[in-house]
């Protein structure tokens, strides 16, 4: 006969850990991929550059915690977000045993309908190639997130998360050049993206850069749903 066990006895005898989420937030401006960082406000390592993060509350999923943190620190909700990786090295945090579930997300830096203030929590946007040293293993999180972003961008139209709802082909091209970190042939890009059927041309133009203006487009979600089964190559 199997020995009876005291309920939860095994749980009580184990070491306790804290759980946190850290968010790698990307945006694009001036044709460059940028990262949102902020000065850490608590010890240890207060004042050092960090990703956005916080401990997870009781009865809160990691995704809910990440959404809460992004809303609190940017004032934005419904942000594109994906889980990245679990960072659980035993001595990763000098403050104690902390397991971090990392997420990465995309934000339109120039919000048309609502601006968010990056001065909140001493946050700022930095170009990826000018990123300062980050605390703990946050640099590793960023490297992994950039790789994941580029993998996703090859087969899914996530670049549309980084342009306004209505955008020019030049704006969209700049986003993909920033993501892949290289120049893309303008003519081939236009031909391929227009042939895909993923854009709907609007009967209006953006005339902020020239008198003639450039036609505005919006993303066609219905066409994308049709392409999801067979996939689409967004590598330019």
C-alpha atoms as a PDB file:
ATOM      1  CA  UNK A   1       0.000   0.000   0.000  1.00  0.00           C
ATOM      2  CA  UNK A   2       1.334   3.426  -0.929  1.00  0.00           C
ATOM      3  CA  UNK A   3       2.272   5.637   1.964  1.00  0.00           C
ATOM      4  CA  UNK A   4      -0.176   8.473   2.564  1.00  0.00           C
ATOM      5  CA  UNK A   5       1.113  11.988   1.977  1.00  0.00           C
ATOM      6  CA  UNK A   6       0.308  15.091   3.935  1.00  0.00           C
ATOM      7  CA  UNK A   7      -1.446  17.473   1.537  1.00  0.00           C
ATOM      8  CA  UNK A   8       0.918  20.086   0.064  1.00  0.00           C
ATOM      9  CA  UNK A   9       3.807  18.987   2.293  1.00  0.00           C
ATOM     10  CA  UNK A  10       6.107  18.749  -0.708  1.00  0.00           C
ATOM     11  CA  UNK A  11       5.172  22.285  -1.771  1.00  0.00           C
ATOM     12  CA  UNK A  12       5.998  23.750   1.635  1.00  0.00           C
ATOM     13  CA  UNK A  13       9.486  22.237   1.665  1.00  0.00           C
ATOM     14  CA  UNK A  14      10.596  23.837  -1.587  1.00  0.00           C
ATOM     15  CA  UNK A  15      12.392  27.128  -2.168  1.00  0.00           C
ATOM     16  CA  UNK A  16      10.272  30.117  -3.074  1.00  0.00           C
ATOM     17  CA  UNK A  17      10.834  32.316  -6.119  1.00  0.00           C
ATOM     18  CA  UNK A  18       9.567  35.693  -7.266  1.00  0.00           C
ATOM     19  CA  UNK A  19       8.068  35.981 -10.748  1.00  0.00           C
ATOM     20  CA  UNK A  20       8.442  39.031 -12.962  1.00  0.00           C
ATOM     21  CA  UNK A  21       7.781  40.054 -16.541  1.00  0.00           C
ATOM     22  CA  UNK A  22      10.109  42.184 -18.660  1.00  0.00           C
ATOM     23  CA  UNK A  23       9.021  43.806 -21.903  1.00  0.00           C
ATOM     24  CA  UNK A  24      11.205  44.586 -24.911  1.00  0.00           C
ATOM     25  CA  UNK A  25       9.331  47.375 -26.707  1.00  0.00           C
ATOM     26  CA  UNK A  26      10.260  48.258 -30.308  1.00  0.00           C
ATOM     27  CA  UNK A  27       9.269  51.220 -32.431  1.00  0.00           C
ATOM     28  CA  UNK A  28      10.496  52.823 -35.646  1.00  0.00           C
ATOM     29  CA  UNK A  29      11.296  56.473 -36.251  1.00  0.00           C
ATOM     30  CA  UNK A  30      13.615  58.274 -38.680  1.00  0.00           C
ATOM     31  CA  UNK A  31      14.143  54.956 -40.516  1.00  0.00           C
ATOM     32  CA  UNK A  32      15.694  53.312 -37.453  1.00  0.00           C
ATOM     33  CA  UNK A  33      14.565  50.521 -35.167  1.00  0.00           C
ATOM     34  CA  UNK A  34      14.307  51.840 -31.620  1.00  0.00           C
ATOM     35  CA  UNK A  35      13.993  50.379 -28.143  1.00  0.00           C
ATOM     36  CA  UNK A  36      12.074  51.830 -25.187  1.00  0.00           C
ATOM     37  CA  UNK A  37      14.165  51.772 -22.013  1.00  0.00           C
ATOM     38  CA  UNK A  38      13.874  53.446 -18.625  1.00  0.00           C
ATOM     39  CA  UNK A  39      15.908  54.218 -15.525  1.00  0.00           C
ATOM     40  CA  UNK A  40      15.289  51.547 -12.911  1.00  0.00           C
ATOM     41  CA  UNK A  41      13.514  53.085  -9.932  1.00  0.00           C
ATOM     42  CA  UNK A  42      14.163  50.480  -7.232  1.00  0.00           C
ATOM     43  CA  UNK A  43      17.162  48.806  -5.677  1.00  0.00           C
ATOM     44  CA  UNK A  44      19.202  46.922  -6.554  1.00  0.00           C
ATOM     45  CA  UNK A  45      20.652  48.742  -9.559  1.00  0.00           C
ATOM     46  CA  UNK A  46      18.431  51.822  -9.182  1.00  0.00           C
ATOM     47  CA  UNK A  47      19.286  54.457 -11.787  1.00  0.00           C
ATOM     48  CA  UNK A  48      20.628  51.958 -14.324  1.00  0.00           C
ATOM     49  CA  UNK A  49      19.054  51.474 -17.751  1.00  0.00           C
ATOM     50  CA  UNK A  50      16.488  48.704 -17.882  1.00  0.00           C
ATOM     51  CA  UNK A  51      13.655  47.233 -19.900  1.00  0.00           C
ATOM     52  CA  UNK A  52      10.102  47.841 -18.723  1.00  0.00           C
ATOM     53  CA  UNK A  53       9.221  45.278 -16.082  1.00  0.00           C
ATOM     54  CA  UNK A  54       7.509  44.464 -12.813  1.00  0.00           C
ATOM     55  CA  UNK A  55       6.660  41.622 -10.494  1.00  0.00           C
ATOM     56  CA  UNK A  56       3.553  39.593 -11.280  1.00  0.00           C
ATOM     57  CA  UNK A  57       0.606  40.081  -8.952  1.00  0.00           C
ATOM     58  CA  UNK A  58      -1.287  37.182  -7.402  1.00  0.00           C
ATOM     59  CA  UNK A  59      -4.047  35.780  -9.617  1.00  0.00           C
ATOM     60  CA  UNK A  60      -2.458  37.471 -12.637  1.00  0.00           C
ATOM     61  CA  UNK A  61      -1.201  35.640 -15.741  1.00  0.00           C
ATOM     62  CA  UNK A  62       2.139  36.607 -17.244  1.00  0.00           C
ATOM     63  CA  UNK A  63       0.382  38.057 -20.308  1.00  0.00           C
ATOM     64  CA  UNK A  64      -2.001  40.096 -18.148  1.00  0.00           C
ATOM     65  CA  UNK A  65       0.969  41.370 -16.158  1.00  0.00           C
ATOM     66  CA  UNK A  66       2.821  42.390 -19.323  1.00  0.00           C
ATOM     67  CA  UNK A  67      -0.285  44.189 -20.632  1.00  0.00           C
ATOM     68  CA  UNK A  68      -0.706  45.967 -17.294  1.00  0.00           C
ATOM     69  CA  UNK A  69       2.918  47.117 -17.259  1.00  0.00           C
ATOM     70  CA  UNK A  70       2.752  48.459 -20.805  1.00  0.00           C
ATOM     71  CA  UNK A  71      -0.492  50.287 -20.041  1.00  0.00           C
ATOM     72  CA  UNK A  72       0.878  51.790 -16.822  1.00  0.00           C
ATOM     73  CA  UNK A  73       4.150  52.937 -18.380  1.00  0.00           C
ATOM     74  CA  UNK A  74       2.945  54.064 -21.828  1.00  0.00           C
ATOM     75  CA  UNK A  75      -0.765  54.745 -21.405  1.00  0.00           C
ATOM     76  CA  UNK A  76      -1.468  52.457 -24.380  1.00  0.00           C
ATOM     77  CA  UNK A  77      -3.469  49.256 -24.561  1.00  0.00           C
ATOM     78  CA  UNK A  78      -4.115  46.661 -27.280  1.00  0.00           C
ATOM     79  CA  UNK A  79      -0.404  46.628 -28.061  1.00  0.00           C
ATOM     80  CA  UNK A  80       1.009  43.890 -30.305  1.00  0.00           C
ATOM     81  CA  UNK A  81       2.797  41.518 -27.932  1.00  0.00           C
ATOM     82  CA  UNK A  82       4.329  38.030 -27.961  1.00  0.00           C
ATOM     83  CA  UNK A  83       5.936  35.912 -25.273  1.00  0.00           C
ATOM     84  CA  UNK A  84       9.657  35.535 -25.881  1.00  0.00           C
ATOM     85  CA  UNK A  85      11.417  33.314 -23.340  1.00  0.00           C
ATOM     86  CA  UNK A  86      11.715  32.415 -19.664  1.00  0.00           C
ATOM     87  CA  UNK A  87      14.906  33.623 -17.984  1.00  0.00           C
ATOM     88  CA  UNK A  88      15.562  31.578 -14.867  1.00  0.00           C
ATOM     89  CA  UNK A  89      19.280  31.423 -14.125  1.00  0.00           C
ATOM     90  CA  UNK A  90      19.520  31.065 -10.315  1.00  0.00           C
ATOM     91  CA  UNK A  91      21.752  34.120  -9.783  1.00  0.00           C
ATOM     92  CA  UNK A  92      20.391  36.376 -12.525  1.00  0.00           C
ATOM     93  CA  UNK A  93      19.104  39.006 -10.081  1.00  0.00           C
ATOM     94  CA  UNK A  94      21.253  40.236  -7.148  1.00  0.00           C
ATOM     95  CA  UNK A  95      18.055  41.068  -5.261  1.00  0.00           C
ATOM     96  CA  UNK A  96      17.079  37.413  -4.900  1.00  0.00           C
ATOM     97  CA  UNK A  97      15.736  34.419  -6.831  1.00  0.00           C
ATOM     98  CA  UNK A  98      13.615  35.977  -9.576  1.00  0.00           C
ATOM     99  CA  UNK A  99      12.296  34.194 -12.658  1.00  0.00           C
ATOM    100  CA  UNK A 100      11.426  36.556 -15.508  1.00  0.00           C
ATOM    101  CA  UNK A 101       9.052  35.791 -18.374  1.00  0.00           C
ATOM    102  CA  UNK A 102      10.084  38.059 -21.234  1.00  0.00           C
ATOM    103  CA  UNK A 103       7.744  39.564 -23.838  1.00  0.00           C
ATOM    104  CA  UNK A 104       8.382  41.682 -26.895  1.00  0.00           C
ATOM    105  CA  UNK A 105       5.991  44.212 -28.362  1.00  0.00           C
ATOM    106  CA  UNK A 106       5.601  46.800 -31.111  1.00  0.00           C
ATOM    107  CA  UNK A 107       4.435  50.400 -30.670  1.00  0.00           C
ATOM    108  CA  UNK A 108       3.779  53.178 -33.151  1.00  0.00           C
ATOM    109  CA  UNK A 109       6.071  55.870 -31.793  1.00  0.00           C
ATOM    110  CA  UNK A 110       4.050  58.694 -33.377  1.00  0.00           C
ATOM    111  CA  UNK A 111       0.524  57.904 -32.257  1.00  0.00           C
ATOM    112  CA  UNK A 112      -2.095  59.688 -34.345  1.00  0.00           C
ATOM    113  CA  UNK A 113      -4.992  59.337 -31.924  1.00  0.00           C
ATOM    114  CA  UNK A 114      -3.223  59.431 -28.564  1.00  0.00           C
ATOM    115  CA  UNK A 115       0.259  60.471 -27.558  1.00  0.00           C
ATOM    116  CA  UNK A 116       2.104  58.764 -24.761  1.00  0.00           C
ATOM    117  CA  UNK A 117       4.758  60.463 -22.693  1.00  0.00           C
ATOM    118  CA  UNK A 118       8.096  58.662 -22.627  1.00  0.00           C
ATOM    119  CA  UNK A 119       9.203  61.015 -19.854  1.00  0.00           C
ATOM    120  CA  UNK A 120       7.039  58.930 -17.528  1.00  0.00           C
ATOM    121  CA  UNK A 121       9.336  56.818 -15.360  1.00  0.00           C
ATOM    122  CA  UNK A 122      12.349  58.490 -17.055  1.00  0.00           C
ATOM    123  CA  UNK A 123      11.821  56.409 -20.164  1.00  0.00           C
ATOM    124  CA  UNK A 124      13.291  57.163 -23.569  1.00  0.00           C
ATOM    125  CA  UNK A 125      13.625  55.711 -27.041  1.00  0.00           C
ATOM    126  CA  UNK A 126      17.115  54.708 -28.173  1.00  0.00           C
ATOM    127  CA  UNK A 127      18.328  53.424 -31.504  1.00  0.00           C
ATOM    128  CA  UNK A 128      19.248  49.733 -31.372  1.00  0.00           C
ATOM    129  CA  UNK A 129      22.816  50.472 -32.441  1.00  0.00           C
ATOM    130  CA  UNK A 130      23.169  53.092 -29.683  1.00  0.00           C
ATOM    131  CA  UNK A 131      21.639  51.042 -26.866  1.00  0.00           C
ATOM    132  CA  UNK A 132      23.406  51.570 -23.525  1.00  0.00           C
ATOM    133  CA  UNK A 133      24.374  48.679 -21.298  1.00  0.00           C
ATOM    134  CA  UNK A 134      21.258  47.257 -19.655  1.00  0.00           C
ATOM    135  CA  UNK A 135      20.906  45.633 -16.243  1.00  0.00           C
ATOM    136  CA  UNK A 136      20.913  41.910 -15.537  1.00  0.00           C
ATOM    137  CA  UNK A 137      20.236  39.799 -18.633  1.00  0.00           C
ATOM    138  CA  UNK A 138      18.136  42.463 -20.358  1.00  0.00           C
ATOM    139  CA  UNK A 139      20.697  42.826 -23.150  1.00  0.00           C
ATOM    140  CA  UNK A 140      20.247  39.129 -23.919  1.00  0.00           C
ATOM    141  CA  UNK A 141      16.471  39.650 -23.966  1.00  0.00           C
ATOM    142  CA  UNK A 142      16.840  42.441 -26.538  1.00  0.00           C
ATOM    143  CA  UNK A 143      19.138  40.370 -28.759  1.00  0.00           C
ATOM    144  CA  UNK A 144      16.701  37.464 -28.679  1.00  0.00           C
ATOM    145  CA  UNK A 145      13.727  39.778 -29.306  1.00  0.00           C
ATOM    146  CA  UNK A 146      15.369  41.375 -32.361  1.00  0.00           C
ATOM    147  CA  UNK A 147      15.997  37.935 -33.815  1.00  0.00           C
ATOM    148  CA  UNK A 148      12.381  36.935 -33.166  1.00  0.00           C
ATOM    149  CA  UNK A 149      11.087  40.201 -34.670  1.00  0.00           C
ATOM    150  CA  UNK A 150      13.015  39.603 -37.894  1.00  0.00           C
ATOM    151  CA  UNK A 151      11.868  35.995 -38.094  1.00  0.00           C
ATOM    152  CA  UNK A 152       8.232  37.051 -37.695  1.00  0.00           C
ATOM    153  CA  UNK A 153       8.593  39.905 -40.168  1.00  0.00           C
ATOM    154  CA  UNK A 154       9.631  37.497 -42.935  1.00  0.00           C
ATOM    155  CA  UNK A 155       6.314  35.658 -42.926  1.00  0.00           C
ATOM    156  CA  UNK A 156       3.769  37.830 -41.113  1.00  0.00           C
ATOM    157  CA  UNK A 157       2.823  41.460 -41.829  1.00  0.00           C
ATOM    158  CA  UNK A 158       3.822  42.746 -38.409  1.00  0.00           C
ATOM    159  CA  UNK A 159       5.410  45.775 -40.032  1.00  0.00           C
ATOM    160  CA  UNK A 160       1.885  47.185 -40.223  1.00  0.00           C
ATOM    161  CA  UNK A 161       1.956  47.427 -36.417  1.00  0.00           C
ATOM    162  CA  UNK A 162       4.607  50.141 -36.753  1.00  0.00           C
ATOM    163  CA  UNK A 163       2.914  52.506 -39.219  1.00  0.00           C
ATOM    164  CA  UNK A 164      -0.165  54.710 -38.752  1.00  0.00           C
ATOM    165  CA  UNK A 165      -3.552  53.304 -39.721  1.00  0.00           C
ATOM    166  CA  UNK A 166      -3.211  55.242 -42.987  1.00  0.00           C
ATOM    167  CA  UNK A 167       0.304  55.268 -44.435  1.00  0.00           C
ATOM    168  CA  UNK A 168       2.323  55.789 -47.592  1.00  0.00           C
ATOM    169  CA  UNK A 169       4.361  53.092 -49.320  1.00  0.00           C
ATOM    170  CA  UNK A 170       7.471  55.068 -48.379  1.00  0.00           C
ATOM    171  CA  UNK A 171       6.542  54.881 -44.688  1.00  0.00           C
ATOM    172  CA  UNK A 172       5.987  51.136 -44.910  1.00  0.00           C
ATOM    173  CA  UNK A 173       9.260  50.634 -46.783  1.00  0.00           C
ATOM    174  CA  UNK A 174      11.110  52.586 -44.072  1.00  0.00           C
ATOM    175  CA  UNK A 175       9.685  50.279 -41.414  1.00  0.00           C
ATOM    176  CA  UNK A 176      10.915  47.146 -43.177  1.00  0.00           C
ATOM    177  CA  UNK A 177      14.325  48.702 -43.801  1.00  0.00           C
ATOM    178  CA  UNK A 178      14.553  49.459 -40.081  1.00  0.00           C
ATOM    179  CA  UNK A 179      13.484  45.944 -39.080  1.00  0.00           C
ATOM    180  CA  UNK A 180      15.899  44.139 -41.400  1.00  0.00           C
ATOM    181  CA  UNK A 181      18.643  46.777 -41.021  1.00  0.00           C
ATOM    182  CA  UNK A 182      19.433  47.131 -44.723  1.00  0.00           C
ATOM    183  CA  UNK A 183      18.277  49.105 -47.743  1.00  0.00           C
ATOM    184  CA  UNK A 184      15.470  47.560 -49.801  1.00  0.00           C
ATOM    185  CA  UNK A 185      14.989  48.202 -53.505  1.00  0.00           C
ATOM    186  CA  UNK A 186      12.073  50.621 -53.711  1.00  0.00           C
ATOM    187  CA  UNK A 187      10.709  49.362 -57.031  1.00  0.00           C
ATOM    188  CA  UNK A 188      10.770  45.677 -56.067  1.00  0.00           C
ATOM    189  CA  UNK A 189       9.195  46.449 -52.704  1.00  0.00           C
ATOM    190  CA  UNK A 190       6.303  48.368 -54.252  1.00  0.00           C
ATOM    191  CA  UNK A 191       5.718  45.700 -56.870  1.00  0.00           C
ATOM    192  CA  UNK A 192       5.703  42.858 -54.363  1.00  0.00           C
ATOM    193  CA  UNK A 193       3.602  44.526 -51.672  1.00  0.00           C
ATOM    194  CA  UNK A 194       0.993  45.800 -54.147  1.00  0.00           C
ATOM    195  CA  UNK A 195       0.762  42.414 -55.871  1.00  0.00           C
ATOM    196  CA  UNK A 196       0.055  40.737 -52.520  1.00  0.00           C
ATOM    197  CA  UNK A 197      -3.352  42.406 -52.186  1.00  0.00           C
ATOM    198  CA  UNK A 198      -2.552  43.268 -48.573  1.00  0.00           C
ATOM    199  CA  UNK A 199      -3.015  46.993 -49.160  1.00  0.00           C
ATOM    200  CA  UNK A 200      -6.112  49.015 -49.945  1.00  0.00           C
ATOM    201  CA  UNK A 201      -5.357  52.306 -51.674  1.00  0.00           C
ATOM    202  CA  UNK A 202      -7.356  55.249 -50.338  1.00  0.00           C
ATOM    203  CA  UNK A 203      -8.710  58.145 -52.326  1.00  0.00           C
ATOM    204  CA  UNK A 204      -6.482  60.682 -50.596  1.00  0.00           C
ATOM    205  CA  UNK A 205      -2.855  61.692 -50.432  1.00  0.00           C
ATOM    206  CA  UNK A 206      -0.227  62.682 -47.912  1.00  0.00           C
ATOM    207  CA  UNK A 207       1.179  66.037 -49.060  1.00  0.00           C
ATOM    208  CA  UNK A 208       3.482  66.713 -46.122  1.00  0.00           C
ATOM    209  CA  UNK A 209       6.633  65.980 -48.142  1.00  0.00           C
ATOM    210  CA  UNK A 210       5.703  67.153 -51.652  1.00  0.00           C
ATOM    211  CA  UNK A 211       3.093  69.199 -53.519  1.00  0.00           C
ATOM    212  CA  UNK A 212       2.134  66.199 -55.658  1.00  0.00           C
ATOM    213  CA  UNK A 213       1.737  64.010 -52.602  1.00  0.00           C
ATOM    214  CA  UNK A 214       1.760  60.238 -52.130  1.00  0.00           C
ATOM    215  CA  UNK A 215      -1.291  58.020 -52.035  1.00  0.00           C
ATOM    216  CA  UNK A 216      -2.289  56.690 -48.629  1.00  0.00           C
ATOM    217  CA  UNK A 217      -3.004  53.017 -48.015  1.00  0.00           C
ATOM    218  CA  UNK A 218      -4.420  50.889 -45.233  1.00  0.00           C
ATOM    219  CA  UNK A 219      -3.828  47.259 -44.319  1.00  0.00           C
ATOM    220  CA  UNK A 220      -6.353  44.764 -45.704  1.00  0.00           C
ATOM    221  CA  UNK A 221      -6.937  42.272 -42.890  1.00  0.00           C
ATOM    222  CA  UNK A 222      -9.364  40.156 -44.937  1.00  0.00           C
ATOM    223  CA  UNK A 223      -6.715  39.447 -47.559  1.00  0.00           C
ATOM    224  CA  UNK A 224      -4.208  38.560 -44.850  1.00  0.00           C
ATOM    225  CA  UNK A 225      -6.585  36.023 -43.332  1.00  0.00           C
ATOM    226  CA  UNK A 226      -6.850  34.375 -46.745  1.00  0.00           C
ATOM    227  CA  UNK A 227      -3.050  34.217 -47.028  1.00  0.00           C
ATOM    228  CA  UNK A 228      -2.474  32.820 -43.550  1.00  0.00           C
ATOM    229  CA  UNK A 229      -2.987  29.187 -44.578  1.00  0.00           C
ATOM    230  CA  UNK A 230      -0.433  29.253 -47.384  1.00  0.00           C
ATOM    231  CA  UNK A 231       1.800  31.890 -45.873  1.00  0.00           C
ATOM    232  CA  UNK A 232       3.432  34.901 -47.494  1.00  0.00           C
ATOM    233  CA  UNK A 233       7.110  35.782 -47.844  1.00  0.00           C
ATOM    234  CA  UNK A 234       7.734  39.306 -46.535  1.00  0.00           C
ATOM    235  CA  UNK A 235      11.502  39.073 -46.908  1.00  0.00           C
ATOM    236  CA  UNK A 236      12.607  41.823 -49.290  1.00  0.00           C
END
